[in-house]
C-alpha cells in the first residue's frame, strides 16, 4: 500500500494520540494540529492526502474550516472525514452542506476509521462493500 498522509485536526489530546496510533499502525503518515485556527495553514503547508476534522474546535469550527477549504480551488477535492462526538442529524447535514466527504461519530471502531479513510482516499481502488 502506498503510504498516504493524513492531517488530523483534533483538540482532545487523548483522542488525537489514539487516532495517530491506529493510523500509523495501519501504515498512514500522520500529522496533528489541535486548534482550528492552525488548520488552514497546516493544510496549505502539508498538502495532506486526506483531512480528518473534528467538528468542535477552538479557534474555528470544523464547519468553518471545511467551508473555507471548499471555497479554494486547490482544496475543493481534498477528501475530508468529519469527526464529532455529537452524531445528531443536524451535525451530519451541516457537514454535508459544507462539503464533507464522509462523517464519523465518536466513539468508533478502529477498523471503521481505517476502512472509511481507505474508501475516501482511493475510492477507485477500494472494492465495494
N, C-alpha and C. Protein backbone atom coordinates (compact mmCIF):
# COMPACT_ATOMS: atom_id res chain seq x y z
N UNK A 1 0.83 -1.19 0.00
CA UNK A 1 0.00 0.00 0.00
C UNK A 1 0.87 1.24 0.00
N UNK A 2 0.53 2.17 -0.86
CA UNK A 2 1.22 3.44 -0.89
C UNK A 2 0.93 4.18 0.42
N UNK A 3 1.96 4.79 1.00
CA UNK A 3 1.78 5.49 2.27
C UNK A 3 1.12 6.84 2.00
N UNK A 4 -0.05 7.03 2.60
CA UNK A 4 -0.78 8.29 2.45
C UNK A 4 -0.60 9.14 3.69
N UNK A 5 -0.67 10.44 3.49
CA UNK A 5 -0.51 11.39 4.59
C UNK A 5 -1.88 11.91 5.01
N UNK A 6 -2.18 11.76 6.30
CA UNK A 6 -3.42 12.27 6.86
C UNK A 6 -3.09 13.39 7.84
N UNK A 7 -3.82 14.48 7.74
CA UNK A 7 -3.73 15.57 8.70
C UNK A 7 -4.96 15.47 9.60
N UNK A 8 -4.72 15.37 10.89
CA UNK A 8 -5.77 15.26 11.89
C UNK A 8 -5.87 16.57 12.64
N UNK A 9 -7.05 17.17 12.64
CA UNK A 9 -7.31 18.38 13.43
C UNK A 9 -8.25 17.96 14.55
N UNK A 10 -7.69 17.80 15.75
CA UNK A 10 -8.43 17.28 16.91
C UNK A 10 -7.87 17.95 18.15
N UNK A 11 -8.75 18.57 18.96
CA UNK A 11 -8.29 19.31 20.12
C UNK A 11 -8.17 18.48 21.40
N UNK A 12 -8.68 17.27 21.41
CA UNK A 12 -8.59 16.41 22.59
C UNK A 12 -7.34 15.54 22.45
N UNK A 13 -6.30 15.80 23.28
CA UNK A 13 -5.02 15.09 23.12
C UNK A 13 -5.12 13.57 23.17
N UNK A 14 -5.94 13.02 24.05
CA UNK A 14 -6.06 11.56 24.13
C UNK A 14 -6.66 10.97 22.87
N UNK A 15 -7.65 11.63 22.31
CA UNK A 15 -8.27 11.15 21.07
C UNK A 15 -7.28 11.28 19.92
N UNK A 16 -6.59 12.41 19.84
CA UNK A 16 -5.61 12.62 18.77
C UNK A 16 -4.52 11.56 18.81
N UNK A 17 -4.02 11.26 20.01
CA UNK A 17 -2.95 10.26 20.13
C UNK A 17 -3.46 8.86 19.79
N UNK A 18 -4.68 8.56 20.19
CA UNK A 18 -5.25 7.25 19.86
C UNK A 18 -5.41 7.09 18.35
N UNK A 19 -5.91 8.12 17.69
CA UNK A 19 -6.08 8.07 16.23
C UNK A 19 -4.73 7.97 15.55
N UNK A 20 -3.75 8.74 16.03
CA UNK A 20 -2.40 8.66 15.45
C UNK A 20 -1.88 7.22 15.54
N UNK A 21 -2.02 6.60 16.70
CA UNK A 21 -1.54 5.24 16.91
C UNK A 21 -2.23 4.27 15.94
N UNK A 22 -3.54 4.36 15.84
CA UNK A 22 -4.32 3.48 14.96
C UNK A 22 -3.85 3.61 13.52
N UNK A 23 -3.73 4.86 13.07
CA UNK A 23 -3.39 5.10 11.66
C UNK A 23 -1.94 4.78 11.35
N UNK A 24 -1.02 5.09 12.24
CA UNK A 24 0.38 4.75 12.00
C UNK A 24 0.55 3.24 11.90
N UNK A 25 -0.14 2.51 12.79
CA UNK A 25 -0.09 1.05 12.76
C UNK A 25 -0.64 0.51 11.44
N UNK A 26 -1.60 1.23 10.86
CA UNK A 26 -2.19 0.82 9.58
C UNK A 26 -1.39 1.33 8.38
N UNK A 27 -0.27 2.02 8.63
CA UNK A 27 0.60 2.43 7.53
C UNK A 27 0.44 3.86 7.05
N UNK A 28 -0.30 4.67 7.74
CA UNK A 28 -0.50 6.07 7.35
C UNK A 28 0.59 6.95 7.96
N UNK A 29 0.92 8.00 7.26
CA UNK A 29 1.75 9.08 7.82
C UNK A 29 0.76 10.06 8.45
N UNK A 30 0.99 10.49 9.70
CA UNK A 30 0.01 11.29 10.42
C UNK A 30 0.63 12.57 10.96
N UNK A 31 -0.03 13.69 10.70
CA UNK A 31 0.32 14.98 11.32
C UNK A 31 -0.89 15.42 12.11
N UNK A 32 -0.65 16.10 13.24
CA UNK A 32 -1.75 16.52 14.11
C UNK A 32 -1.64 18.01 14.41
N UNK A 33 -2.77 18.66 14.39
CA UNK A 33 -2.91 20.04 14.87
C UNK A 33 -4.10 20.03 15.82
N UNK A 34 -4.05 20.88 16.84
CA UNK A 34 -5.09 20.83 17.88
C UNK A 34 -6.01 22.05 17.90
N UNK A 35 -5.79 22.98 17.01
CA UNK A 35 -6.55 24.22 17.04
C UNK A 35 -7.11 24.53 15.66
N UNK A 36 -8.36 24.93 15.63
CA UNK A 36 -8.99 25.25 14.35
C UNK A 36 -8.27 26.36 13.60
N UNK A 37 -7.72 27.32 14.33
CA UNK A 37 -7.02 28.43 13.69
C UNK A 37 -5.75 27.96 12.97
N UNK A 38 -5.16 26.85 13.40
CA UNK A 38 -3.95 26.30 12.77
C UNK A 38 -4.27 25.45 11.55
N UNK A 39 -5.51 25.06 11.42
CA UNK A 39 -5.88 24.07 10.41
C UNK A 39 -5.63 24.52 8.99
N UNK A 40 -6.06 25.72 8.64
CA UNK A 40 -5.93 26.17 7.25
C UNK A 40 -4.48 26.27 6.83
N UNK A 41 -3.63 26.85 7.67
CA UNK A 41 -2.22 26.95 7.30
C UNK A 41 -1.56 25.57 7.27
N UNK A 42 -1.99 24.66 8.15
CA UNK A 42 -1.44 23.30 8.14
C UNK A 42 -1.80 22.57 6.85
N UNK A 43 -3.03 22.71 6.40
CA UNK A 43 -3.43 22.07 5.14
C UNK A 43 -2.61 22.64 4.00
N UNK A 44 -2.44 23.95 3.99
CA UNK A 44 -1.67 24.59 2.93
C UNK A 44 -0.20 24.15 2.95
N UNK A 45 0.39 24.09 4.14
CA UNK A 45 1.81 23.73 4.26
C UNK A 45 2.07 22.25 3.99
N UNK A 46 1.20 21.38 4.52
CA UNK A 46 1.45 19.94 4.47
C UNK A 46 0.87 19.23 3.25
N UNK A 47 -0.16 19.81 2.65
CA UNK A 47 -0.82 19.21 1.47
C UNK A 47 -1.13 17.74 1.69
N UNK A 48 -1.94 17.42 2.71
CA UNK A 48 -2.23 16.01 3.02
C UNK A 48 -3.08 15.35 1.94
N UNK A 49 -3.08 14.03 1.95
CA UNK A 49 -3.95 13.27 1.03
C UNK A 49 -5.38 13.26 1.53
N UNK A 50 -5.55 13.40 2.85
CA UNK A 50 -6.87 13.38 3.46
C UNK A 50 -6.81 14.19 4.75
N UNK A 51 -7.93 14.80 5.10
CA UNK A 51 -8.04 15.59 6.32
C UNK A 51 -9.10 14.96 7.21
N UNK A 52 -8.72 14.71 8.48
CA UNK A 52 -9.70 14.30 9.49
C UNK A 52 -9.94 15.53 10.35
N UNK A 53 -11.17 15.96 10.41
CA UNK A 53 -11.51 17.25 11.00
C UNK A 53 -12.57 17.08 12.07
N UNK A 54 -12.24 17.48 13.30
CA UNK A 54 -13.21 17.45 14.38
C UNK A 54 -14.22 18.57 14.14
N UNK A 55 -15.45 18.33 14.49
CA UNK A 55 -16.50 19.33 14.29
C UNK A 55 -16.33 20.52 15.23
N UNK A 56 -16.08 20.23 16.51
CA UNK A 56 -15.96 21.29 17.52
C UNK A 56 -14.50 21.50 17.88
N UNK A 57 -13.97 22.67 17.53
CA UNK A 57 -12.57 23.00 17.76
C UNK A 57 -12.45 24.42 18.31
N UNK A 58 -11.38 24.69 19.05
CA UNK A 58 -11.12 26.08 19.42
C UNK A 58 -10.61 26.86 18.21
N UNK A 59 -10.87 28.13 18.16
CA UNK A 59 -10.39 28.96 17.05
C UNK A 59 -11.43 29.04 15.96
N UNK A 60 -11.50 28.03 15.14
CA UNK A 60 -12.51 27.92 14.07
C UNK A 60 -13.16 26.55 14.20
N UNK A 61 -14.43 26.47 13.92
CA UNK A 61 -15.11 25.17 13.96
C UNK A 61 -14.72 24.35 12.72
N UNK A 62 -14.95 23.06 12.81
CA UNK A 62 -14.70 22.20 11.66
C UNK A 62 -15.51 22.61 10.44
N UNK A 63 -16.75 23.05 10.67
CA UNK A 63 -17.59 23.50 9.56
C UNK A 63 -17.01 24.75 8.89
N UNK A 64 -16.51 25.70 9.70
CA UNK A 64 -15.91 26.92 9.14
C UNK A 64 -14.65 26.58 8.34
N UNK A 65 -13.83 25.69 8.89
CA UNK A 65 -12.60 25.30 8.20
C UNK A 65 -12.94 24.64 6.87
N UNK A 66 -13.87 23.70 6.91
CA UNK A 66 -14.26 22.98 5.70
C UNK A 66 -14.84 23.92 4.65
N UNK A 67 -15.68 24.84 5.06
CA UNK A 67 -16.27 25.81 4.12
C UNK A 67 -15.18 26.64 3.45
N UNK A 68 -14.19 27.06 4.21
CA UNK A 68 -13.10 27.86 3.65
C UNK A 68 -12.25 27.03 2.69
N UNK A 69 -12.00 25.76 3.04
CA UNK A 69 -11.23 24.91 2.14
C UNK A 69 -11.97 24.67 0.83
N UNK A 70 -13.26 24.40 0.92
CA UNK A 70 -14.05 24.11 -0.28
C UNK A 70 -14.18 25.33 -1.20
N UNK A 71 -14.01 26.52 -0.65
CA UNK A 71 -14.08 27.74 -1.46
C UNK A 71 -12.81 27.94 -2.28
N UNK A 72 -11.77 27.19 -1.97
CA UNK A 72 -10.49 27.31 -2.69
C UNK A 72 -10.38 26.19 -3.71
N UNK A 73 -10.05 26.54 -4.92
CA UNK A 73 -9.97 25.54 -5.99
C UNK A 73 -8.91 24.48 -5.71
N UNK A 74 -7.81 24.84 -5.03
CA UNK A 74 -6.74 23.86 -4.78
C UNK A 74 -7.11 22.85 -3.69
N UNK A 75 -8.17 23.11 -2.92
CA UNK A 75 -8.60 22.16 -1.88
C UNK A 75 -10.05 21.73 -2.05
N UNK A 76 -10.65 22.07 -3.16
CA UNK A 76 -12.06 21.73 -3.38
C UNK A 76 -12.30 20.23 -3.38
N UNK A 77 -11.30 19.44 -3.79
CA UNK A 77 -11.47 17.99 -3.89
C UNK A 77 -10.74 17.21 -2.79
N UNK A 78 -10.17 17.90 -1.81
CA UNK A 78 -9.47 17.22 -0.73
C UNK A 78 -10.46 16.36 0.05
N UNK A 79 -10.21 15.06 0.18
CA UNK A 79 -11.11 14.22 0.97
C UNK A 79 -11.09 14.65 2.44
N UNK A 80 -12.28 14.86 3.02
CA UNK A 80 -12.38 15.30 4.41
C UNK A 80 -13.34 14.39 5.15
N UNK A 81 -12.81 13.79 6.22
CA UNK A 81 -13.61 12.97 7.13
C UNK A 81 -13.92 13.82 8.35
N UNK A 82 -15.18 14.12 8.57
CA UNK A 82 -15.61 14.94 9.70
C UNK A 82 -15.89 14.02 10.89
N UNK A 83 -15.28 14.34 12.04
CA UNK A 83 -15.49 13.59 13.28
C UNK A 83 -16.29 14.44 14.25
N UNK A 84 -17.16 13.80 15.00
CA UNK A 84 -17.86 14.52 16.06
C UNK A 84 -18.31 13.57 17.15
N UNK A 85 -18.36 14.10 18.35
CA UNK A 85 -18.93 13.35 19.46
C UNK A 85 -20.44 13.48 19.44
N UNK A 86 -20.94 14.42 18.68
CA UNK A 86 -22.38 14.64 18.57
C UNK A 86 -22.83 14.10 17.22
N UNK A 87 -23.45 12.94 17.22
CA UNK A 87 -23.85 12.31 15.96
C UNK A 87 -25.23 12.70 15.50
N UNK A 88 -25.69 13.87 15.90
CA UNK A 88 -27.03 14.30 15.54
C UNK A 88 -27.15 14.56 14.04
N UNK A 89 -28.35 14.37 13.53
CA UNK A 89 -28.56 14.52 12.09
C UNK A 89 -28.26 15.94 11.63
N UNK A 90 -28.53 16.95 12.45
CA UNK A 90 -28.24 18.32 12.01
C UNK A 90 -26.74 18.55 11.85
N UNK A 91 -25.92 17.86 12.67
CA UNK A 91 -24.46 17.96 12.51
C UNK A 91 -24.03 17.32 11.19
N UNK A 92 -24.59 16.16 10.90
CA UNK A 92 -24.28 15.49 9.63
C UNK A 92 -24.70 16.35 8.44
N UNK A 93 -25.88 16.93 8.53
CA UNK A 93 -26.38 17.78 7.43
C UNK A 93 -25.49 19.00 7.24
N UNK A 94 -25.08 19.63 8.34
CA UNK A 94 -24.19 20.79 8.24
C UNK A 94 -22.85 20.40 7.62
N UNK A 95 -22.33 19.24 8.01
CA UNK A 95 -21.06 18.76 7.45
C UNK A 95 -21.22 18.48 5.95
N UNK A 96 -22.33 17.87 5.56
CA UNK A 96 -22.57 17.59 4.14
C UNK A 96 -22.69 18.88 3.35
N UNK A 97 -23.43 19.85 3.88
CA UNK A 97 -23.58 21.15 3.19
C UNK A 97 -22.24 21.85 3.02
N UNK A 98 -21.36 21.71 4.02
CA UNK A 98 -20.05 22.35 3.96
C UNK A 98 -19.10 21.62 3.01
N UNK A 99 -19.43 20.37 2.66
CA UNK A 99 -18.62 19.64 1.69
C UNK A 99 -17.84 18.47 2.24
N UNK A 100 -18.23 17.94 3.40
CA UNK A 100 -17.53 16.77 3.96
C UNK A 100 -17.68 15.58 3.02
N UNK A 101 -16.61 14.83 2.87
CA UNK A 101 -16.63 13.62 2.05
C UNK A 101 -17.32 12.49 2.81
N UNK A 102 -17.06 12.44 4.12
CA UNK A 102 -17.64 11.39 4.97
C UNK A 102 -17.74 11.93 6.39
N UNK A 103 -18.50 11.21 7.22
CA UNK A 103 -18.80 11.65 8.58
C UNK A 103 -18.71 10.44 9.49
N UNK A 104 -18.06 10.61 10.65
CA UNK A 104 -17.92 9.52 11.60
C UNK A 104 -18.16 10.04 13.01
N UNK A 105 -19.04 9.36 13.74
CA UNK A 105 -19.35 9.75 15.12
C UNK A 105 -18.42 9.03 16.08
N UNK A 106 -17.98 9.75 17.12
CA UNK A 106 -17.20 9.15 18.19
C UNK A 106 -18.19 8.57 19.20
N UNK A 107 -17.90 7.45 19.81
CA UNK A 107 -16.74 6.60 19.55
C UNK A 107 -16.95 5.76 18.29
N UNK A 108 -15.87 5.30 17.71
CA UNK A 108 -15.92 4.49 16.50
C UNK A 108 -14.95 3.33 16.66
N UNK A 109 -15.14 2.31 15.88
CA UNK A 109 -14.23 1.17 15.87
C UNK A 109 -12.98 1.53 15.06
N UNK A 110 -11.83 1.03 15.50
CA UNK A 110 -10.58 1.28 14.78
C UNK A 110 -10.70 0.89 13.31
N UNK A 111 -11.27 -0.29 13.07
CA UNK A 111 -11.40 -0.78 11.70
C UNK A 111 -12.31 0.13 10.87
N UNK A 112 -13.34 0.67 11.50
CA UNK A 112 -14.26 1.58 10.80
C UNK A 112 -13.52 2.83 10.32
N UNK A 113 -12.67 3.39 11.16
CA UNK A 113 -11.89 4.57 10.78
C UNK A 113 -10.97 4.26 9.60
N UNK A 114 -10.23 3.17 9.70
CA UNK A 114 -9.29 2.81 8.63
C UNK A 114 -10.00 2.50 7.32
N UNK A 115 -11.11 1.77 7.40
CA UNK A 115 -11.86 1.44 6.18
C UNK A 115 -12.42 2.69 5.52
N UNK A 116 -12.96 3.60 6.33
CA UNK A 116 -13.54 4.82 5.77
C UNK A 116 -12.46 5.67 5.10
N UNK A 117 -11.31 5.81 5.74
CA UNK A 117 -10.22 6.57 5.13
C UNK A 117 -9.78 5.95 3.82
N UNK A 118 -9.65 4.63 3.80
CA UNK A 118 -9.28 3.94 2.57
C UNK A 118 -10.26 4.20 1.44
N UNK A 119 -11.54 4.21 1.78
CA UNK A 119 -12.58 4.45 0.76
C UNK A 119 -12.53 5.87 0.21
N UNK A 120 -12.30 6.86 1.08
CA UNK A 120 -12.37 8.24 0.57
C UNK A 120 -11.06 8.70 -0.07
N UNK A 121 -9.92 8.06 0.28
CA UNK A 121 -8.66 8.46 -0.33
C UNK A 121 -8.47 7.81 -1.69
N UNK A 122 -8.86 6.55 -1.81
CA UNK A 122 -8.66 5.83 -3.07
C UNK A 122 -9.95 5.09 -3.44
N UNK A 123 -11.03 5.83 -3.68
CA UNK A 123 -12.30 5.14 -3.94
C UNK A 123 -12.28 4.26 -5.18
N UNK A 124 -11.43 4.57 -6.15
CA UNK A 124 -11.40 3.77 -7.36
C UNK A 124 -10.70 2.43 -7.17
N UNK A 125 -9.93 2.30 -6.07
CA UNK A 125 -9.22 1.05 -5.85
C UNK A 125 -9.80 0.23 -4.72
N UNK A 126 -10.80 0.76 -4.04
CA UNK A 126 -11.40 0.06 -2.92
C UNK A 126 -12.61 -0.74 -3.41
N UNK A 127 -12.65 -2.04 -3.13
CA UNK A 127 -13.79 -2.83 -3.60
C UNK A 127 -15.08 -2.40 -2.89
N UNK A 128 -16.20 -2.60 -3.58
CA UNK A 128 -17.49 -2.27 -2.98
C UNK A 128 -17.76 -3.19 -1.81
N UNK A 129 -18.36 -2.60 -0.77
CA UNK A 129 -18.67 -3.41 0.41
C UNK A 129 -19.96 -4.17 0.21
